[in-house]
C-alpha atoms as a PDB file:
ATOM      1  CA  MET A   1       0.000   0.000   0.000  1.00  0.00           C
ATOM      2  CA  ALA A   2       1.512   3.267  -1.107  1.00  0.00           C
ATOM      3  CA  THR A   3      -1.291   5.815  -0.811  1.00  0.00           C
ATOM      4  CA  HIS A   4      -0.591   8.515   1.741  1.00  0.00           C
ATOM      5  CA  PHE A   5      -0.994  12.218   2.360  1.00  0.00           C
ATOM      6  CA  ALA A   6       1.287  14.907   1.044  1.00  0.00           C
ATOM      7  CA  PRO A   7       2.411  17.556   3.547  1.00  0.00           C
ATOM      8  CA  ALA A   8      -0.117  19.917   1.948  1.00  0.00           C
ATOM      9  CA  GLY A   9      -2.976  17.707   3.148  1.00  0.00           C
ATOM     10  CA  ILE A  10      -1.841  17.721   6.757  1.00  0.00           C
ATOM     11  CA  LYS A  11      -1.119  21.445   6.507  1.00  0.00           C
ATOM     12  CA  PHE A  12      -4.737  21.956   5.411  1.00  0.00           C
ATOM     13  CA  LEU A  13      -6.053  20.008   8.430  1.00  0.00           C
ATOM     14  CA  LYS A  14      -3.835  22.002  10.786  1.00  0.00           C
ATOM     15  CA  GLY A  15      -5.093  25.216   9.226  1.00  0.00           C
ATOM     16  CA  LEU A  16      -8.691  24.061   9.532  1.00  0.00           C
ATOM     17  CA  LYS A  17      -8.127  23.412  13.225  1.00  0.00           C
ATOM     18  CA  ARG A  18      -7.037  27.045  13.648  1.00  0.00           C
ATOM     19  CA  HIS A  19      -9.615  28.561  11.285  1.00  0.00           C
ATOM     20  CA  ASN A  20     -12.722  26.406  11.597  1.00  0.00           C
ATOM     21  CA  ASP A  21     -15.148  28.615   9.703  1.00  0.00           C
ATOM     22  CA  ARG A  22     -17.036  28.421   6.416  1.00  0.00           C
ATOM     23  CA  THR A  23     -15.263  31.298   4.703  1.00  0.00           C
ATOM     24  CA  TRP A  24     -11.800  29.867   5.333  1.00  0.00           C
ATOM     25  CA  PHE A  25     -12.921  26.420   4.133  1.00  0.00           C
ATOM     26  CA  ALA A  26     -14.709  27.749   1.034  1.00  0.00           C
ATOM     27  CA  ASP A  27     -11.605  29.658  -0.042  1.00  0.00           C
ATOM     28  CA  ARG A  28      -9.570  26.441   0.175  1.00  0.00           C
ATOM     29  CA  LYS A  29     -12.116  23.810  -0.837  1.00  0.00           C
ATOM     30  CA  GLY A  30     -10.028  22.891  -3.866  1.00  0.00           C
ATOM     31  CA  VAL A  31      -7.094  22.129  -1.587  1.00  0.00           C
ATOM     32  CA  TYR A  32      -9.330  19.964   0.603  1.00  0.00           C
ATOM     33  CA  GLU A  33     -10.626  17.987  -2.383  1.00  0.00           C
ATOM     34  CA  ALA A  34      -7.182  17.444  -3.938  1.00  0.00           C
ATOM     35  CA  GLU A  35      -4.964  17.031  -0.882  1.00  0.00           C
ATOM     36  CA  VAL A  36      -7.293  15.491   1.728  1.00  0.00           C
ATOM     37  CA  GLN A  37     -10.428  13.961   0.233  1.00  0.00           C
ATOM     38  CA  ALA A  38      -8.810  12.376  -2.840  1.00  0.00           C
ATOM     39  CA  PRO A  39      -5.969  10.533  -1.058  1.00  0.00           C
ATOM     40  CA  TRP A  40      -8.335   9.437   1.713  1.00  0.00           C
ATOM     41  CA  LEU A  41     -10.793   7.910  -0.766  1.00  0.00           C
ATOM     42  CA  ALA A  42      -7.903   6.203  -2.563  1.00  0.00           C
ATOM     43  CA  LEU A  43      -6.646   4.800   0.734  1.00  0.00           C
ATOM     44  CA  ILE A  44     -10.115   3.482   1.594  1.00  0.00           C
ATOM     45  CA  ASP A  45     -10.126   1.629  -1.735  1.00  0.00           C
ATOM     46  CA  GLU A  46      -6.791   0.032  -0.859  1.00  0.00           C
ATOM     47  CA  ILE A  47      -8.029  -0.930   2.603  1.00  0.00           C
ATOM     48  CA  ASN A  48     -11.114  -2.491   1.007  1.00  0.00           C
ATOM     49  CA  GLU A  49      -8.849  -4.720  -1.085  1.00  0.00           C
ATOM     50  CA  ALA A  50      -7.192  -5.965   2.095  1.00  0.00           C
ATOM     51  CA  LEU A  51     -10.494  -6.423   3.956  1.00  0.00           C
ATOM     52  CA  ILE A  52     -11.603  -8.917   1.300  1.00  0.00           C
ATOM     53  CA  GLU A  53      -9.098 -11.345   2.834  1.00  0.00           C
ATOM     54  CA  PHE A  54     -10.229 -11.221   6.472  1.00  0.00           C
ATOM     55  CA  ALA A  55     -13.488  -9.241   6.762  1.00  0.00           C
ATOM     56  CA  PRO A  56     -15.188  -9.300   3.334  1.00  0.00           C
ATOM     57  CA  GLU A  57     -18.589  -8.530   4.860  1.00  0.00           C
ATOM     58  CA  CYS A  58     -17.255  -5.107   5.870  1.00  0.00           C
ATOM     59  CA  VAL A  59     -16.128  -3.966   2.432  1.00  0.00           C
ATOM     60  CA  LYS A  60     -18.065  -0.951   1.204  1.00  0.00           C
ATOM     61  CA  PRO A  61     -17.648   1.721  -1.493  1.00  0.00           C
ATOM     62  CA  ALA A  62     -15.174   4.382  -0.467  1.00  0.00           C
ATOM     63  CA  LYS A  63     -17.695   7.218  -0.544  1.00  0.00           C
ATOM     64  CA  LYS A  64     -20.019   5.250   1.753  1.00  0.00           C
ATOM     65  CA  ALA A  65     -17.245   4.329   4.167  1.00  0.00           C
ATOM     66  CA  MET A  66     -15.959   7.900   4.426  1.00  0.00           C
ATOM     67  CA  PHE A  67     -17.524  10.267   6.927  1.00  0.00           C
ATOM     68  CA  ARG A  68     -18.490  13.758   5.821  1.00  0.00           C
ATOM     69  CA  ILE A  69     -16.150  16.477   7.020  1.00  0.00           C
ATOM     70  CA  TYR A  70     -19.159  18.636   7.865  1.00  0.00           C
ATOM     71  CA  ARG A  71     -20.209  18.406  11.508  1.00  0.00           C
ATOM     72  CA  ASP A  72     -23.843  17.933  12.522  1.00  0.00           C
ATOM     73  CA  THR A  73     -24.265  20.870  14.889  1.00  0.00           C
ATOM     74  CA  ARG A  74     -28.045  20.714  15.305  1.00  0.00           C
ATOM     75  CA  PHE A  75     -27.995  19.257  18.817  1.00  0.00           C
ATOM     76  CA  SER A  76     -24.504  20.289  19.892  1.00  0.00           C
ATOM     77  CA  ASN A  77     -23.233  23.237  21.886  1.00  0.00           C
ATOM     78  CA  ASN A  78     -20.139  23.097  19.697  1.00  0.00           C
ATOM     79  CA  LYS A  79     -21.141  24.984  16.555  1.00  0.00           C
ATOM     80  CA  LEU A  80     -17.836  24.677  14.692  1.00  0.00           C
ATOM     81  CA  PRO A  81     -18.859  23.606  11.179  1.00  0.00           C
ATOM     82  CA  TYR A  82     -16.067  21.169  10.288  1.00  0.00           C
ATOM     83  CA  LYS A  83     -14.279  18.165  11.693  1.00  0.00           C
ATOM     84  CA  THR A  84     -10.515  18.531  11.778  1.00  0.00           C
ATOM     85  CA  HIS A  85      -9.933  14.976  10.591  1.00  0.00           C
ATOM     86  CA  VAL A  86     -11.100  12.658   7.818  1.00  0.00           C
ATOM     87  CA  GLY A  87     -12.502   9.335   8.980  1.00  0.00           C
ATOM     88  CA  ALA A  88     -14.037   6.123   7.713  1.00  0.00           C
ATOM     89  CA  TRP A  89     -16.046   3.233   9.143  1.00  0.00           C
ATOM     90  CA  TRP A  90     -16.329  -0.324   7.860  1.00  0.00           C
ATOM     91  CA  SER A  91     -19.030  -2.677   9.184  1.00  0.00           C
ATOM     92  CA  PRO A  92     -21.297  -5.451   7.840  1.00  0.00           C
ATOM     93  CA  ALA A  93     -23.942  -4.188   5.435  1.00  0.00           C
ATOM     94  CA  SER A  94     -26.751  -5.672   7.533  1.00  0.00           C
ATOM     95  CA  LEU A  95     -25.605  -3.548  10.484  1.00  0.00           C
ATOM     96  CA  ALA A  96     -25.022  -0.381   8.465  1.00  0.00           C
ATOM     97  CA  LYS A  97     -27.763   1.615  10.182  1.00  0.00           C
ATOM     98  CA  THR A  98     -26.915   0.429  13.692  1.00  0.00           C
ATOM     99  CA  SER A  99     -24.009   0.582  16.114  1.00  0.00           C
ATOM    100  CA  GLY A 100     -22.686  -2.896  15.413  1.00  0.00           C
ATOM    101  CA  GLY A 101     -19.037  -3.859  15.423  1.00  0.00           C
ATOM    102  CA  GLY A 102     -16.605  -2.659  12.788  1.00  0.00           C
ATOM    103  CA  PHE A 103     -13.344  -0.945  11.941  1.00  0.00           C
ATOM    104  CA  TYR A 104     -12.548   2.775  12.137  1.00  0.00           C
ATOM    105  CA  ALA A 105      -9.657   4.999  11.123  1.00  0.00           C
ATOM    106  CA  HIS A 106      -9.052   8.702  10.859  1.00  0.00           C
ATOM    107  CA  VAL A 107      -6.269  11.069   9.930  1.00  0.00           C
ATOM    108  CA  GLY A 108      -6.288  14.347  11.800  1.00  0.00           C
ATOM    109  CA  SER A 109      -4.164  17.425  12.114  1.00  0.00           C
ATOM    110  CA  ASP A 110      -2.081  15.916  14.919  1.00  0.00           C
ATOM    111  CA  GLU A 111      -2.583  12.139  14.876  1.00  0.00           C
ATOM    112  CA  VAL A 112      -3.733   8.992  13.132  1.00  0.00           C
ATOM    113  CA  VAL A 113      -6.304   6.934  15.048  1.00  0.00           C
ATOM    114  CA  VAL A 114      -7.120   3.293  14.340  1.00  0.00           C
ATOM    115  CA  ALA A 115      -9.927   1.567  16.251  1.00  0.00           C
ATOM    116  CA  ALA A 116     -12.151  -1.492  16.085  1.00  0.00           C
ATOM    117  CA  GLY A 117     -14.933  -3.092  18.097  1.00  0.00           C
ATOM    118  CA  VAL A 118     -18.367  -1.942  19.193  1.00  0.00           C
ATOM    119  CA  TYR A 119     -18.873   1.681  20.232  1.00  0.00           C
ATOM    120  CA  MET A 120     -22.057   2.947  21.908  1.00  0.00           C
ATOM    121  CA  PRO A 121     -24.302   0.022  20.864  1.00  0.00           C
ATOM    122  CA  GLN A 122     -28.044   0.457  20.889  1.00  0.00           C
ATOM    123  CA  PRO A 123     -29.800  -0.965  24.000  1.00  0.00           C
ATOM    124  CA  GLU A 124     -31.040  -4.126  22.290  1.00  0.00           C
ATOM    125  CA  GLN A 125     -27.601  -4.702  20.777  1.00  0.00           C
ATOM    126  CA  LEU A 126     -25.893  -4.182  24.120  1.00  0.00           C
ATOM    127  CA  LEU A 127     -28.189  -6.767  25.700  1.00  0.00           C
ATOM    128  CA  ALA A 128     -27.529  -9.252  22.884  1.00  0.00           C
ATOM    129  CA  ILE A 129     -23.758  -8.841  23.201  1.00  0.00           C
ATOM    130  CA  ARG A 130     -23.881  -9.245  26.980  1.00  0.00           C
ATOM    131  CA  ARG A 131     -25.867 -12.457  26.660  1.00  0.00           C
ATOM    132  CA  HIS A 132     -23.395 -13.709  24.077  1.00  0.00           C
ATOM    133  CA  MET A 133     -20.515 -12.723  26.358  1.00  0.00           C
ATOM    134  CA  GLN A 134     -21.858 -15.068  29.043  1.00  0.00           C
ATOM    135  CA  GLN A 135     -20.852 -17.924  26.750  1.00  0.00           C
ATOM    136  CA  ALA A 136     -17.874 -16.348  24.977  1.00  0.00           C
ATOM    137  CA  HIS A 137     -16.154 -14.629  27.924  1.00  0.00           C
ATOM    138  CA  GLY A 138     -13.170 -16.973  27.827  1.00  0.00           C
ATOM    139  CA  GLU A 139     -12.518 -16.236  24.179  1.00  0.00           C
ATOM    140  CA  MET A 140     -12.959 -12.507  24.736  1.00  0.00           C
ATOM    141  CA  ARG A 141     -10.584 -12.446  27.706  1.00  0.00           C
ATOM    142  CA  ALA A 142      -7.967 -14.328  25.710  1.00  0.00           C
ATOM    143  CA  MET A 143      -8.142 -11.675  23.006  1.00  0.00           C
ATOM    144  CA  LEU A 144      -7.899  -8.814  25.492  1.00  0.00           C
ATOM    145  CA  ALA A 145      -4.863 -10.483  27.085  1.00  0.00           C
ATOM    146  CA  ASP A 146      -3.116 -11.201  23.784  1.00  0.00           C
ATOM    147  CA  LYS A 147       0.204  -9.347  23.974  1.00  0.00           C
ATOM    148  CA  LYS A 148       0.646  -9.056  20.214  1.00  0.00           C
ATOM    149  CA  LEU A 149      -2.825  -7.594  19.808  1.00  0.00           C
ATOM    150  CA  ARG A 150      -2.463  -5.177  22.711  1.00  0.00           C
ATOM    151  CA  LYS A 151       0.883  -3.958  21.414  1.00  0.00           C
ATOM    152  CA  LEU A 152      -0.914  -2.967  18.222  1.00  0.00           C
ATOM    153  CA  MET A 153      -4.107  -1.766  19.924  1.00  0.00           C
ATOM    154  CA  PRO A 154      -3.211  -0.725  23.482  1.00  0.00           C
ATOM    155  CA  GLU A 155      -6.123   1.557  24.353  1.00  0.00           C
ATOM    156  CA  LEU A 156      -9.324  -0.049  25.721  1.00  0.00           C
ATOM    157  CA  ASP A 157     -12.578   1.900  25.786  1.00  0.00           C
ATOM    158  CA  SER A 158     -15.243  -0.037  27.692  1.00  0.00           C
ATOM    159  CA  ASN A 159     -17.135   2.743  29.526  1.00  0.00           C
ATOM    160  CA  PRO A 160     -17.948   0.339  32.390  1.00  0.00           C
ATOM    161  CA  LEU A 161     -20.863   0.488  34.777  1.00  0.00           C
ATOM    162  CA  LYS A 162     -20.244   0.614  38.524  1.00  0.00           C
ATOM    163  CA  ARG A 163     -22.958  -1.955  39.194  1.00  0.00           C
ATOM    164  CA  MET A 164     -24.076  -5.047  37.342  1.00  0.00           C
ATOM    165  CA  PRO A 165     -26.686  -4.367  34.652  1.00  0.00           C
ATOM    166  CA  LYS A 166     -30.247  -5.413  35.347  1.00  0.00           C
ATOM    167  CA  GLY A 167     -30.847  -9.105  34.778  1.00  0.00           C
ATOM    168  CA  PHE A 168     -27.241 -10.215  35.321  1.00  0.00           C
ATOM    169  CA  ALA A 169     -25.820 -11.687  38.527  1.00  0.00           C
ATOM    170  CA  ALA A 170     -22.722 -10.320  40.232  1.00  0.00           C
ATOM    171  CA  GLU A 171     -21.318 -13.850  40.467  1.00  0.00           C
ATOM    172  CA  ASP A 172     -21.633 -14.455  36.724  1.00  0.00           C
ATOM    173  CA  PRO A 173     -18.308 -15.798  35.358  1.00  0.00           C
ATOM    174  CA  ALA A 174     -18.401 -13.029  32.749  1.00  0.00           C
ATOM    175  CA  ALA A 175     -19.193 -10.291  35.301  1.00  0.00           C
ATOM    176  CA  ASP A 176     -16.250  -8.014  34.480  1.00  0.00           C
ATOM    177  CA  LEU A 177     -17.138  -8.064  30.783  1.00  0.00           C
ATOM    178  CA  LEU A 178     -20.842  -7.611  31.440  1.00  0.00           C
ATOM    179  CA  LEU A 179     -20.121  -4.311  33.185  1.00  0.00           C
ATOM    180  CA  CYS A 180     -18.858  -2.902  29.877  1.00  0.00           C
ATOM    181  CA  ARG A 181     -21.122  -0.638  27.864  1.00  0.00           C
ATOM    182  CA  GLN A 182     -18.910  -0.963  24.794  1.00  0.00           C
ATOM    183  CA  TRP A 183     -15.903  -2.981  23.701  1.00  0.00           C
ATOM    184  CA  ALA A 184     -13.389  -1.102  21.556  1.00  0.00           C
ATOM    185  CA  LEU A 185      -9.618  -1.130  21.181  1.00  0.00           C
ATOM    186  CA  SER A 186      -7.642   1.632  19.538  1.00  0.00           C
ATOM    187  CA  ALA A 187      -4.193   2.964  18.767  1.00  0.00           C
ATOM    188  CA  THR A 188      -2.996   6.530  18.287  1.00  0.00           C
ATOM    189  CA  LEU A 189      -0.116   7.000  15.854  1.00  0.00           C
ATOM    190  CA  PRO A 190       1.973  10.103  15.096  1.00  0.00           C
ATOM    191  CA  VAL A 191       0.576  12.228  12.281  1.00  0.00           C
ATOM    192  CA  ASP A 192       3.879  11.785  10.443  1.00  0.00           C
ATOM    193  CA  VAL A 193       2.747   8.227   9.638  1.00  0.00           C
ATOM    194  CA  ALA A 194       0.039   9.714   7.416  1.00  0.00           C
ATOM    195  CA  MET A 195       2.727  11.157   5.158  1.00  0.00           C
ATOM    196  CA  THR A 196       4.521   7.845   4.557  1.00  0.00           C
ATOM    197  CA  PRO A 197       3.737   4.905   2.243  1.00  0.00           C
ATOM    198  CA  LYS A 198       3.196   2.687   5.298  1.00  0.00           C
ATOM    199  CA  LEU A 199      -0.023   4.485   6.331  1.00  0.00           C
ATOM    200  CA  GLY A 200      -2.303   1.862   4.788  1.00  0.00           C
ATOM    201  CA  SER A 201      -0.317  -1.104   6.080  1.00  0.00           C
ATOM    202  CA  GLU A 202      -0.277   0.323   9.616  1.00  0.00           C
ATOM    203  CA  ILE A 203      -4.078   0.553   9.523  1.00  0.00           C
ATOM    204  CA  VAL A 204      -4.630  -2.831   7.871  1.00  0.00           C
ATOM    205  CA  LYS A 205      -2.402  -4.824  10.219  1.00  0.00           C
ATOM    206  CA  ARG A 206      -4.421  -3.488  13.152  1.00  0.00           C
ATOM    207  CA  PHE A 207      -7.724  -4.234  11.433  1.00  0.00           C
ATOM    208  CA  ARG A 208      -6.508  -7.754  10.656  1.00  0.00           C
ATOM    209  CA  ALA A 209      -5.506  -8.342  14.278  1.00  0.00           C
ATOM    210  CA  MET A 210      -8.905  -7.100  15.475  1.00  0.00           C
ATOM    211  CA  ALA A 211     -10.999  -9.104  12.994  1.00  0.00           C
ATOM    212  CA  PRO A 212     -11.646 -12.034  15.395  1.00  0.00           C
ATOM    213  CA  MET A 213     -12.873  -9.681  18.129  1.00  0.00           C
ATOM    214  CA  VAL A 214     -15.122  -7.773  15.746  1.00  0.00           C
ATOM    215  CA  ALA A 215     -16.541 -11.098  14.525  1.00  0.00           C
ATOM    216  CA  LEU A 216     -17.180 -12.235  18.107  1.00  0.00           C
ATOM    217  CA  LEU A 217     -18.985  -9.012  18.993  1.00  0.00           C
ATOM    218  CA  ASN A 218     -21.042  -9.057  15.811  1.00  0.00           C
ATOM    219  CA  ALA A 219     -22.057 -12.721  16.050  1.00  0.00           C
ATOM    220  CA  PRO A 220     -25.237 -12.146  18.119  1.00  0.00           C
ATOM    221  CA  LEU A 221     -26.112  -9.014  16.146  1.00  0.00           C
ATOM    222  CA  LEU A 222     -25.809 -10.704  12.770  1.00  0.00           C
ATOM    223  CA  ARG A 223     -27.991 -13.574  13.954  1.00  0.00           C
ATOM    224  CA  SER A 224     -30.771 -11.182  14.900  1.00  0.00           C
ATOM    225  CA  ALA A 225     -30.296  -9.155  11.703  1.00  0.00           C
ATOM    226  CA  ALA A 226     -30.477 -12.188   9.407  1.00  0.00           C
ATOM    227  CA  PRO A 227     -33.713 -12.341   7.391  1.00  0.00           C
ATOM    228  CA  ARG A 228     -36.060 -15.103   8.457  1.00  0.00           C
ATOM    229  CA  LYS A 229     -37.010 -17.711   5.894  1.00  0.00           C
ATOM    230  CA  SER A 230     -40.653 -17.873   4.962  1.00  0.00           C
ATOM    231  CA  LEU A 231     -42.567 -20.868   6.267  1.00  0.00           C
ATOM    232  CA  PHE A 232     -44.678 -20.927   3.110  1.00  0.00           C
END
């Protein structure tokens, strides 16, 4: 994988962080399209080619995987109009409109972030994953304890509860995992990585390492999302 950002792309993101307003962006929209959007879409295409090998259900067209740079400010106190990074999300098509498990990456003005897992699942999804975790807790713990994986993805975001969720016993063998409200691992890389040919490979090797965990988390969600066969 050779696609990466030129210094001009990162310079644009740094400038956007300092001048996050519509006039500044409009005057430099051509720079954004050529130096940020274009290489990011090309990189997503390359990542898709790699995903075919270990998570083919998560492959999606680059323009659908990429997040808009425009912020939704309708319900936010933060009215800045633009994100200061470009991001993308890959998940199974049947979970596209939900908070199921998947893979995430973004390139910002100061860092590259790679993440995977389930983030802020919907209540019914959270319940389904917790029930699944009662049976799969050993497998999940083994993944979380895997030194090779944690070297690649050291940061755990579980947003745990202080008390056991309703319907689950404190003595449950999976109790520590049932306290989690999400299960996501991530890594933060220096922004300089974005300007080297190894950007794509750094993202893909982390996605590949996380594929078993994403599959485990999605297993109960994909079962419930699968269309039922007609009895007639």
